[in-house]
Amino acid sequence: MKDMDFREQSAGGFETDDTEDFATLFEASQTATRGSAADQNKIVADIVSIGDEWIFLDIGGKTEGIISRDELLDDSGALTVRKGDTITAYIIKKSDGEVLLSRKMTMAASSEAAREAFHRGIPVEGLVMEERKGGFSVKLFGNLAFCPYSQIDLSSARPAQEYIGQKFSFRITEYSDRGKNIVLSRRRVLEEERLERIKELQNTLNVDDVLTGTVKRIESFGAFVDIGGIEGLVPISEISWARVGDISEYLLVGLQIPVKIISLDWDRNRISLSVKQATQDPWTTVESRYSVGSNVHGIVQRLTAFGVFLELEPGIEGLIHISNLGQGRRINHPREVVSPGMALDARIISIDPFAKRIGLELEKQSPESDERQSVELRQGMIITGSVDSIQDYGVFVKLPGGSTGLLHVSEIDGPKSIDLKKRFPIGANIDCQILSIDESSDRISLSLKSMGLLQEKQQIEDFRSKGVAHKPFGTLGDILRDKLQKK
């Protein structure tokens, strides 16, 4: 094969004496044994040899195709193809029986390249120069073209500054006034590349495949993960075996994670992924870590009308039934004695790994606490308890003897907008008065207001007991006489 004239030509383009136009060239390509791709501006060819600057391809017949080696390098400068590989490229020019191919027209192409690329639908390479009203100025074949904001990417999430100074492939969507008015779209190129990747992945991806993906963005309902050029959704329920409230506590944008494909819907281009199913279900080995009769420590996660769910480890929860929460007394709802986030000690009474259930009961009270149960509570008594939990409507206070009373917001002195959590920290001691005791429902009502009134009354009585109030003031003359005598 003779040395290529392409390398000796100027950046201004190929000489026109022995150059055929695109239409003639395309007609010739139809006789190639490989044929053309679905897009008639493309040709499919096999790589027959690789040189230092050019890669040679078999395009059928006596004609050989060449493509610049630089077009097939990755970001690190490594060659992405080898001899025998098949590539798809655009026919650019023909000179002396040799055809120049390209995946995109570069900035070194001729001044006619923009017009040809527009009519033939060939991607072009442009350099984003600066931001302007409505989009970006792009240098294209020595001239400036315009790319709207909406056409610079598949989404507009990235800051505009990140595009400036970057070279990208574009489609020319408008060409008029002899090239003085050129409008570009990078989005169309990206969409075409995405469709090509989808076609490739349709033949390789299967449900239950486990692969590595990259977190691209996080929403309240789930995380979008890139799995090789296309994105799949990991719903919030598939983030972890534990219950997830805030996804950002588990995933970060840019993080590489293992994911399992749980559904493929190519008709709607929807891929559902799972992070938790890419790891072992903790319930499959639960019996190796827990046993009936053993004591456990957990955090209250959820309150229901029938009991409390206690998290023993991420993904493993046990249930304490409401009948066991009262420690011998009847309660109407778990919130009367516990609140989310509280730490509790319990004992395992049953394990069912297949149904994913662990039954728990609170540890029995010690003899010391049994003695405290004998404390007699009376209406009107001022008593010291500890803050057990906070609700919007009031504060639950643990009282001596193990009972729990409610200090309703209406019985708390101070402004109505007070922050209960700040004023009454969990575990803090608090003095309050017992307003009422309903033995039928085991409800105890507490008050700070009534205790304040009682204390105020006591202070007045103490003041009077000093006898100041019983001494007569006398007449005005008596008072003046006493003052003069003191002097």
Protein backbone atom coordinates (compact mmCIF):
# COMPACT_ATOMS: atom_id res chain seq x y z
CA MET A 1 0.00 0.00 0.00
CA LYS A 2 1.43 3.33 -1.07
CA ASP A 3 2.07 6.11 1.37
CA MET A 4 -1.03 8.19 2.05
CA ASP A 5 -1.34 11.66 0.50
CA PHE A 6 -3.68 12.66 3.34
CA ARG A 7 -0.81 13.28 5.71
CA GLU A 8 0.78 15.76 3.29
CA GLN A 9 -2.33 17.85 2.73
CA SER A 10 -2.92 21.19 4.43
CA ALA A 11 -5.40 21.76 7.23
CA GLY A 12 -7.56 23.55 4.70
CA GLY A 13 -8.80 20.25 3.26
CA PHE A 14 -8.24 17.91 0.31
CA GLU A 15 -7.39 19.07 -3.17
CA THR A 16 -10.45 19.23 -5.35
CA ASP A 17 -8.87 17.93 -8.62
CA ASP A 18 -9.06 14.27 -7.67
CA THR A 19 -11.79 14.45 -5.03
CA GLU A 20 -15.21 12.94 -5.65
CA ASP A 21 -18.32 14.41 -4.05
CA PHE A 22 -20.21 12.64 -1.28
CA ALA A 23 -23.03 11.38 -3.52
CA THR A 24 -20.66 9.65 -5.96
CA LEU A 25 -18.65 8.23 -3.12
CA PHE A 26 -21.75 6.86 -1.41
CA GLU A 27 -22.96 5.18 -4.62
CA ALA A 28 -19.58 3.47 -4.89
CA SER A 29 -19.85 2.27 -1.34
CA GLN A 30 -23.07 0.41 -2.14
CA THR A 31 -21.05 -2.16 -4.12
CA ALA A 32 -18.96 -3.04 -1.08
CA THR A 33 -19.46 -6.54 0.22
CA ARG A 34 -19.97 -5.13 3.69
CA GLY A 35 -22.75 -2.84 2.53
CA SER A 36 -23.85 0.27 4.37
CA ALA A 37 -25.31 0.66 7.88
CA ALA A 38 -28.94 1.59 8.52
CA ASP A 39 -27.92 5.23 8.33
CA GLN A 40 -26.92 5.65 4.68
CA ASN A 41 -24.22 8.16 5.58
CA LYS A 42 -22.30 5.44 7.41
CA ILE A 43 -20.27 2.47 6.37
CA VAL A 44 -19.29 -0.63 8.32
CA ALA A 45 -15.72 -1.83 7.85
CA ASP A 46 -13.16 -4.25 9.31
CA ILE A 47 -9.75 -3.09 10.54
CA VAL A 48 -7.02 -4.77 8.45
CA SER A 49 -3.93 -3.00 9.82
CA ILE A 50 -2.90 -0.35 12.32
CA GLY A 51 -0.17 2.19 11.65
CA ASP A 52 1.46 4.93 13.69
CA GLU A 53 -0.92 7.62 12.36
CA TRP A 54 -3.57 5.85 10.33
CA ILE A 55 -5.77 2.77 10.68
CA PHE A 56 -6.62 0.90 7.45
CA LEU A 57 -10.01 -0.69 6.83
CA ASP A 58 -11.56 -3.10 4.33
CA ILE A 59 -14.58 -1.37 2.79
CA GLY A 60 -14.99 -3.83 -0.11
CA GLY A 61 -13.68 -4.03 -3.65
CA LYS A 62 -10.34 -2.50 -4.57
CA THR A 63 -10.90 0.57 -2.43
CA GLU A 64 -9.32 0.90 1.00
CA GLY A 65 -10.54 3.08 3.81
CA ILE A 66 -8.45 4.91 6.36
CA ILE A 67 -9.27 6.66 9.60
CA SER A 68 -7.01 8.72 11.84
CA ARG A 69 -5.58 6.72 14.73
CA ASP A 70 -6.30 9.70 17.03
CA GLU A 71 -10.05 9.18 16.60
CA LEU A 72 -9.84 5.75 18.22
CA LEU A 73 -7.89 6.66 21.35
CA ASP A 74 -9.45 6.93 24.81
CA ASP A 75 -8.91 9.81 27.24
CA SER A 76 -5.64 8.29 28.45
CA GLY A 77 -4.27 7.95 24.89
CA ALA A 78 -4.70 4.17 24.67
CA LEU A 79 -5.97 2.60 21.46
CA THR A 80 -9.51 1.25 21.83
CA VAL A 81 -9.50 -1.15 18.84
CA ARG A 82 -7.33 -3.92 17.37
CA LYS A 83 -6.87 -5.70 14.05
CA GLY A 84 -10.02 -7.56 13.04
CA ASP A 85 -12.42 -5.30 14.92
CA THR A 86 -15.43 -3.86 13.10
CA ILE A 87 -16.20 -0.15 13.32
CA THR A 88 -18.83 2.18 11.91
CA ALA A 89 -17.68 5.48 10.39
CA TYR A 90 -18.68 8.23 7.98
CA ILE A 91 -17.29 8.59 4.46
CA ILE A 92 -15.52 11.95 4.29
CA LYS A 93 -13.38 12.09 1.10
CA LYS A 94 -11.89 9.93 -1.65
CA SER A 95 -8.47 10.57 -3.15
CA ASP A 96 -6.45 8.31 -5.50
CA GLY A 97 -8.60 5.28 -4.78
CA GLU A 98 -8.41 5.63 -1.05
CA VAL A 99 -11.36 6.65 1.11
CA LEU A 100 -11.01 8.84 4.20
CA LEU A 101 -13.36 7.81 6.97
CA SER A 102 -14.17 9.56 10.22
CA ARG A 103 -16.40 9.18 13.22
CA LYS A 104 -16.75 12.93 13.18
CA MET A 105 -15.48 15.84 11.13
CA THR A 106 -12.68 17.49 13.05
CA MET A 107 -11.85 21.18 13.32
CA ALA A 108 -9.12 20.66 10.69
CA ALA A 109 -11.65 19.88 7.96
CA SER A 110 -12.21 22.12 4.96
CA SER A 111 -14.41 25.19 4.90
CA GLU A 112 -16.99 23.19 2.95
CA ALA A 113 -17.15 20.59 5.70
CA ALA A 114 -19.90 22.32 7.67
CA ARG A 115 -22.23 22.44 4.67
CA GLU A 116 -21.52 18.83 3.76
CA ALA A 117 -21.91 17.70 7.37
CA PHE A 118 -25.27 19.48 7.61
CA HIS A 119 -26.64 17.87 4.43
CA ARG A 120 -25.19 14.44 5.15
CA GLY A 121 -25.90 14.41 8.91
CA ILE A 122 -22.27 13.81 9.87
CA PRO A 123 -21.14 14.78 13.41
CA VAL A 124 -18.63 17.62 13.63
CA GLU A 125 -16.07 18.50 16.29
CA GLY A 126 -16.35 21.91 17.93
CA LEU A 127 -14.65 23.82 20.73
CA VAL A 128 -16.93 25.55 23.26
CA MET A 129 -15.51 29.08 23.51
CA GLU A 130 -17.79 31.03 25.85
CA GLU A 131 -21.27 31.38 27.28
CA ARG A 132 -23.62 33.77 25.53
CA LYS A 133 -27.28 34.71 25.72
CA GLY A 134 -29.33 31.53 25.36
CA GLY A 135 -26.39 29.15 25.04
CA PHE A 136 -22.76 28.83 23.96
CA SER A 137 -20.46 30.07 21.20
CA VAL A 138 -18.69 27.13 19.56
CA LYS A 139 -15.66 27.35 17.26
CA LEU A 140 -16.35 25.21 14.21
CA PHE A 141 -13.99 25.01 11.22
CA GLY A 142 -12.58 28.45 12.04
CA ASN A 143 -16.01 30.06 12.41
CA LEU A 144 -18.33 30.57 15.39
CA ALA A 145 -21.53 28.56 15.69
CA PHE A 146 -24.27 28.59 18.33
CA CYS A 147 -25.39 25.78 20.64
CA PRO A 148 -28.51 26.46 22.80
CA TYR A 149 -28.44 25.55 26.48
CA SER A 150 -31.01 22.82 25.91
CA GLN A 151 -28.81 21.14 23.29
CA ILE A 152 -25.45 21.05 25.09
CA ASP A 153 -26.23 17.93 27.14
CA LEU A 154 -28.88 15.32 27.89
CA SER A 155 -29.76 17.31 31.02
CA SER A 156 -29.02 20.85 32.18
CA ALA A 157 -27.83 19.90 35.66
CA ARG A 158 -24.14 20.83 35.16
CA PRO A 159 -22.91 24.45 35.55
CA ALA A 160 -22.32 26.23 32.23
CA GLN A 161 -18.68 26.90 33.13
CA GLU A 162 -17.89 23.18 32.96
CA TYR A 163 -18.46 23.12 29.18
CA ILE A 164 -16.23 26.07 28.27
CA GLY A 165 -12.87 25.04 26.78
CA GLN A 166 -14.09 21.50 26.01
CA LYS A 167 -14.18 19.80 22.60
CA PHE A 168 -17.37 17.89 21.79
CA SER A 169 -19.09 16.24 18.84
CA PHE A 170 -22.14 18.12 17.53
CA ARG A 171 -24.85 17.74 14.92
CA ILE A 172 -25.50 20.74 12.71
CA THR A 173 -29.24 21.38 12.97
CA GLU A 174 -29.35 24.65 11.01
CA TYR A 175 -27.06 25.93 8.22
CA SER A 176 -27.84 29.13 6.36
CA ASP A 177 -26.41 32.35 4.97
CA ARG A 178 -23.39 30.47 3.56
CA GLY A 179 -22.29 29.28 6.96
CA LYS A 180 -22.72 32.55 8.81
CA ASN A 181 -25.65 31.11 10.73
CA ILE A 182 -24.92 27.63 12.15
CA VAL A 183 -26.87 26.05 15.02
CA LEU A 184 -25.50 22.95 16.77
CA SER A 185 -26.81 20.18 18.99
CA ARG A 186 -24.59 18.00 21.15
CA ARG A 187 -27.68 16.43 22.69
CA ARG A 188 -28.58 14.66 19.44
CA VAL A 189 -25.14 13.04 19.29
CA LEU A 190 -25.45 11.89 22.92
CA GLU A 191 -28.93 10.50 22.30
CA GLU A 192 -27.67 8.54 19.26
CA GLU A 193 -24.76 7.18 21.29
CA ARG A 194 -27.14 6.24 24.08
CA LEU A 195 -29.40 4.35 21.66
CA GLU A 196 -26.39 2.47 20.29
CA ARG A 197 -25.32 1.52 23.79
CA ILE A 198 -28.86 0.35 24.58
CA LYS A 199 -28.82 -1.92 21.51
CA GLU A 200 -25.50 -3.37 22.65
CA LEU A 201 -26.69 -3.86 26.22
CA GLN A 202 -29.93 -5.51 25.11
CA ASN A 203 -27.82 -8.44 23.98
CA THR A 204 -25.71 -8.63 27.14
CA LEU A 205 -27.84 -7.61 30.15
CA ASN A 206 -30.15 -10.03 31.93
CA VAL A 207 -32.36 -9.94 35.01
CA ASP A 208 -30.43 -11.07 38.13
CA ASP A 209 -27.08 -9.91 36.71
CA VAL A 210 -24.88 -8.26 39.35
CA LEU A 211 -22.58 -5.50 38.11
CA THR A 212 -20.84 -2.34 39.26
CA GLY A 213 -22.56 1.00 38.72
CA THR A 214 -21.88 4.66 39.49
CA VAL A 215 -24.37 6.81 41.38
CA LYS A 216 -25.30 9.73 39.09
CA ARG A 217 -27.99 11.53 41.07
CA ILE A 218 -30.13 11.09 44.16
CA GLU A 219 -33.85 11.84 44.48
CA SER A 220 -36.26 11.44 47.38
CA PHE A 221 -37.72 8.28 45.82
CA GLY A 222 -34.47 6.57 44.82
CA ALA A 223 -31.05 6.83 43.17
CA PHE A 224 -30.11 6.78 39.47
CA VAL A 225 -27.09 4.59 38.75
CA ASP A 226 -25.05 4.40 35.52
CA ILE A 227 -24.38 0.80 34.46
CA GLY A 228 -22.25 1.29 31.37
CA GLY A 229 -23.74 4.20 29.48
CA ILE A 230 -27.37 3.94 30.52
CA GLU A 231 -29.01 4.67 33.85
CA GLY A 232 -31.18 2.46 36.02
CA LEU A 233 -33.25 3.39 39.05
CA VAL A 234 -32.66 1.99 42.52
CA PRO A 235 -35.94 2.62 44.42
CA ILE A 236 -35.58 3.72 48.04
CA SER A 237 -36.92 0.34 49.15
CA GLU A 238 -33.97 -1.35 47.38
CA ILE A 239 -31.19 0.79 48.88
CA SER A 240 -30.57 -1.29 52.00
CA TRP A 241 -31.94 -4.20 53.98
CA ALA A 242 -32.50 -1.64 56.76
CA ARG A 243 -35.30 0.92 56.57
CA VAL A 244 -34.06 3.99 54.71
CA GLY A 245 -35.30 7.47 55.50
CA ASP A 246 -32.60 9.65 53.92
CA ILE A 247 -30.87 8.07 50.90
CA SER A 248 -27.89 10.44 51.22
CA GLU A 249 -26.99 8.64 54.46
CA TYR A 250 -26.29 5.52 52.38
CA LEU A 251 -25.20 6.76 48.91
CA LEU A 252 -23.18 9.64 47.47
CA VAL A 253 -23.03 10.94 43.89
CA GLY A 254 -19.99 9.44 42.15
CA LEU A 255 -19.85 6.40 44.45
CA GLN A 256 -19.31 3.04 42.73
CA ILE A 257 -21.60 0.34 44.11
CA PRO A 258 -22.63 -3.23 43.27
CA VAL A 259 -26.18 -3.46 41.89
CA LYS A 260 -28.44 -6.29 40.81
CA ILE A 261 -30.79 -6.00 37.84
CA ILE A 262 -34.32 -6.76 39.04
CA SER A 263 -36.28 -5.76 35.90
CA LEU A 264 -35.65 -4.75 32.27
CA ASP A 265 -38.24 -2.87 30.21
CA TRP A 266 -36.58 -2.07 26.89
CA ASP A 267 -39.84 -0.81 25.35
CA ARG A 268 -39.91 2.08 27.85
CA ASN A 269 -36.14 2.12 28.44
CA ARG A 270 -36.59 1.46 32.15
CA ILE A 271 -34.15 -0.55 34.19
CA SER A 272 -34.80 -1.28 37.86
CA LEU A 273 -31.84 -2.04 40.09
CA SER A 274 -31.25 -3.13 43.67
CA VAL A 275 -28.32 -2.43 45.97
CA LYS A 276 -29.53 -4.58 48.83
CA GLN A 277 -30.13 -7.65 46.65
CA ALA A 278 -26.53 -7.44 45.47
CA THR A 279 -25.56 -8.32 49.05
CA GLN A 280 -26.61 -11.18 51.31
CA ASP A 281 -29.98 -10.96 53.05
CA PRO A 282 -29.16 -10.79 56.80
CA TRP A 283 -32.21 -12.95 57.55
CA THR A 284 -30.58 -15.95 55.84
CA THR A 285 -28.03 -16.15 58.66
CA VAL A 286 -30.09 -14.74 61.52
CA GLU A 287 -30.15 -18.01 63.48
CA SER A 288 -26.36 -18.04 63.63
CA ARG A 289 -26.37 -14.72 65.50
CA TYR A 290 -29.52 -14.89 67.64
CA SER A 291 -31.17 -17.56 69.76
CA VAL A 292 -34.39 -17.86 71.77
CA GLY A 293 -33.87 -16.78 75.37
CA SER A 294 -30.88 -14.52 74.67
CA ASN A 295 -30.87 -10.87 75.65
CA VAL A 296 -30.58 -8.19 72.97
CA HIS A 297 -30.22 -4.43 72.81
CA GLY A 298 -31.97 -2.37 70.12
CA ILE A 299 -33.34 0.97 69.03
CA VAL A 300 -37.07 1.70 68.72
CA GLN A 301 -37.81 2.24 65.00
CA ARG A 302 -41.59 2.22 64.66
CA LEU A 303 -44.65 2.38 66.87
CA THR A 304 -47.86 0.63 65.83
CA ALA A 305 -51.16 0.05 67.58
CA PHE A 306 -50.10 -3.53 68.36
CA GLY A 307 -46.52 -2.97 69.49
CA VAL A 308 -43.02 -1.64 68.93
CA PHE A 309 -40.44 -2.64 66.30
CA LEU A 310 -36.93 -2.74 67.71
CA GLU A 311 -33.96 -2.64 65.29
CA LEU A 312 -31.35 -5.17 66.40
CA GLU A 313 -29.04 -4.59 63.40
CA PRO A 314 -29.48 -3.08 59.90
CA GLY A 315 -32.23 -5.13 58.25
CA ILE A 316 -33.18 -7.11 61.35
CA GLU A 317 -36.10 -5.97 63.53
CA GLY A 318 -37.97 -7.62 66.38
CA LEU A 319 -41.47 -6.94 67.71
CA ILE A 320 -42.38 -6.20 71.34
CA HIS A 321 -46.14 -6.70 71.67
CA ILE A 322 -48.12 -3.93 73.38
CA SER A 323 -49.25 -6.36 76.07
CA ASN A 324 -45.65 -6.59 77.28
CA LEU A 325 -44.83 -2.88 77.17
CA GLY A 326 -46.84 -1.88 80.23
CA GLN A 327 -44.79 -4.12 82.52
CA GLY A 328 -47.91 -5.33 84.29
CA ARG A 329 -50.22 -2.40 83.64
CA ARG A 330 -52.55 -1.81 80.73
CA ILE A 331 -51.64 0.80 78.10
CA ASN A 332 -53.65 1.95 75.08
CA HIS A 333 -50.75 2.75 72.77
CA PRO A 334 -46.97 2.16 72.85
CA ARG A 335 -46.33 5.93 72.75
CA GLU A 336 -47.42 6.06 76.38
CA VAL A 337 -44.18 4.35 77.41
CA VAL A 338 -41.73 4.52 74.47
CA SER A 339 -40.81 6.76 71.54
CA PRO A 340 -38.78 6.31 68.30
CA GLY A 341 -35.05 6.45 68.91
CA MET A 342 -35.18 5.06 72.45
CA ALA A 343 -32.77 2.25 73.36
CA LEU A 344 -34.33 -0.82 74.96
CA ASP A 345 -33.10 -4.12 76.38
CA ALA A 346 -35.24 -7.13 75.51
CA ARG A 347 -35.27 -10.93 75.45
CA ILE A 348 -35.90 -13.07 72.35
CA ILE A 349 -38.97 -15.31 72.74
CA SER A 350 -39.27 -16.56 69.11
CA ILE A 351 -37.39 -16.58 65.78
CA ASP A 352 -38.92 -17.31 62.35
CA PRO A 353 -36.28 -16.65 59.64
CA PHE A 354 -38.62 -17.66 56.81
CA ALA A 355 -41.32 -15.16 57.82
CA LYS A 356 -38.56 -12.73 58.87
CA ARG A 357 -39.96 -12.30 62.37
CA ILE A 358 -38.39 -12.11 65.82
CA GLY A 359 -40.62 -11.93 68.89
CA LEU A 360 -39.32 -9.94 71.86
CA GLU A 361 -40.32 -9.10 75.40
CA LEU A 362 -38.95 -6.45 77.72
CA GLU A 363 -36.56 -7.70 80.35
CA LYS A 364 -38.31 -8.36 83.65
CA GLN A 365 -37.86 -5.66 86.26
CA SER A 366 -35.32 -6.22 89.02
CA PRO A 367 -36.41 -6.71 92.65
CA GLU A 368 -35.49 -3.10 93.31
CA SER A 369 -37.94 -1.93 90.68
CA ASP A 370 -40.59 -4.28 92.07
CA GLU A 371 -40.22 -2.54 95.39
CA ARG A 372 -40.71 0.80 93.72
CA GLN A 373 -44.05 -0.43 92.37
CA SER A 374 -45.36 -0.16 95.93
CA VAL A 375 -44.99 3.64 95.89
CA GLU A 376 -48.44 5.10 96.48
CA LEU A 377 -49.43 7.90 94.12
CA ARG A 378 -52.14 10.33 95.19
CA GLN A 379 -53.96 13.17 93.49
CA GLY A 380 -52.41 16.53 94.38
CA MET A 381 -49.02 14.98 95.24
CA ILE A 382 -45.92 16.83 94.04
CA ILE A 383 -43.53 14.22 92.75
CA THR A 384 -40.17 13.99 90.94
CA GLY A 385 -40.00 11.95 87.75
CA SER A 386 -37.76 11.66 84.69
CA VAL A 387 -38.61 12.67 81.10
CA ASP A 388 -39.31 9.47 79.17
CA SER A 389 -40.47 10.67 75.74
CA ILE A 390 -41.69 13.78 73.90
CA GLN A 391 -44.79 14.02 71.74
CA ASP A 392 -46.42 16.99 70.00
CA TYR A 393 -49.18 17.05 72.60
CA GLY A 394 -47.03 16.73 75.72
CA VAL A 395 -44.31 15.04 77.75
CA PHE A 396 -44.41 11.50 79.16
CA VAL A 397 -42.80 11.36 82.60
CA LYS A 398 -41.55 8.18 84.28
CA LEU A 399 -42.70 8.27 87.91
CA PRO A 400 -41.40 6.44 90.99
CA GLY A 401 -42.88 2.95 91.07
CA GLY A 402 -42.65 2.49 87.30
CA SER A 403 -45.82 4.34 86.28
CA THR A 404 -45.86 6.87 83.47
CA GLY A 405 -47.77 10.13 83.56
CA LEU A 406 -48.62 12.63 80.83
CA LEU A 407 -47.75 16.30 81.21
CA HIS A 408 -50.05 17.79 78.60
CA VAL A 409 -48.98 20.98 76.80
CA SER A 410 -51.97 22.77 78.31
CA GLU A 411 -50.52 22.11 81.78
CA ILE A 412 -47.06 23.48 81.01
CA ASP A 413 -46.33 27.03 82.09
CA GLY A 414 -44.65 29.42 79.67
CA PRO A 415 -45.33 30.43 76.05
CA LYS A 416 -47.33 28.10 73.80
CA SER A 417 -44.57 28.09 71.17
CA ILE A 418 -42.04 26.53 73.56
CA ASP A 419 -39.74 23.81 72.17
CA LEU A 420 -40.57 20.80 74.36
CA LYS A 421 -37.45 18.89 73.36
CA LYS A 422 -35.18 21.72 74.44
CA ARG A 423 -36.96 22.40 77.72
CA PHE A 424 -37.40 18.74 78.67
CA PRO A 425 -34.36 16.66 77.58
CA ILE A 426 -34.90 12.89 77.62
CA GLY A 427 -33.84 11.51 81.03
CA ALA A 428 -33.93 14.90 82.81
CA ASN A 429 -35.60 15.06 86.25
CA ILE A 430 -38.76 17.11 86.53
CA ASP A 431 -40.97 18.13 89.49
CA CYS A 432 -44.70 18.13 88.76
CA GLN A 433 -48.05 17.71 90.49
CA ILE A 434 -50.45 14.82 89.97
CA LEU A 435 -53.72 16.28 88.68
CA SER A 436 -55.69 13.07 88.41
CA ILE A 437 -55.37 9.27 88.44
CA ASP A 438 -57.72 7.14 86.34
CA GLU A 439 -57.26 3.61 87.64
CA SER A 440 -59.60 2.09 85.04
CA SER A 441 -57.35 3.19 82.18
CA ASP A 442 -54.05 3.51 84.11
CA ARG A 443 -53.80 7.15 83.05
CA ILE A 444 -52.05 9.71 85.21
CA SER A 445 -52.33 13.41 84.38
CA LEU A 446 -49.58 15.77 85.52
CA SER A 447 -49.28 19.55 85.73
CA LEU A 448 -46.66 22.23 86.11
CA LYS A 449 -49.17 25.08 86.20
CA SER A 450 -51.02 23.80 89.27
CA MET A 451 -47.73 23.18 91.04
CA GLY A 452 -46.72 26.76 90.32
CA LEU A 453 -49.95 28.09 91.77
CA LEU A 454 -49.47 25.91 94.83
CA GLN A 455 -45.95 27.21 95.34
CA GLU A 456 -47.14 30.80 94.96
CA LYS A 457 -49.83 30.24 97.61
CA GLN A 458 -47.24 28.73 99.94
CA GLN A 459 -44.95 31.74 99.49
CA ILE A 460 -47.79 34.12 100.45
CA GLU A 461 -48.54 32.09 103.56
CA ASP A 462 -44.85 32.09 104.48
CA PHE A 463 -44.78 35.88 104.13
CA ARG A 464 -47.82 36.27 106.34
CA SER A 465 -46.46 33.89 108.97
CA LYS A 466 -43.66 36.37 109.75
CA GLY A 467 -46.29 38.62 111.36
CA VAL A 468 -45.70 41.62 109.13
CA ALA A 469 -49.27 41.61 107.96
CA HIS A 470 -50.71 41.58 111.56
CA LYS A 471 -48.90 44.71 112.84
CA PRO A 472 -51.10 47.86 112.56
CA PHE A 473 -49.65 50.78 110.58
CA GLY A 474 -51.02 53.46 113.05
CA THR A 475 -51.72 57.04 112.11
CA LEU A 476 -49.57 59.23 109.93
CA GLY A 477 -48.48 61.14 113.01
CA ASP A 478 -47.35 57.90 114.70
CA ILE A 479 -45.23 57.02 111.69
CA LEU A 480 -43.55 60.48 111.60
CA ARG A 481 -42.91 60.34 115.34
CA ASP A 482 -41.17 56.95 114.97
CA LYS A 483 -38.95 58.29 112.16
CA LEU A 484 -37.88 61.34 114.22
CA GLN A 485 -37.10 59.19 117.24
CA LYS A 486 -34.88 56.92 115.15
CA LYS A 487 -32.93 59.95 114.03
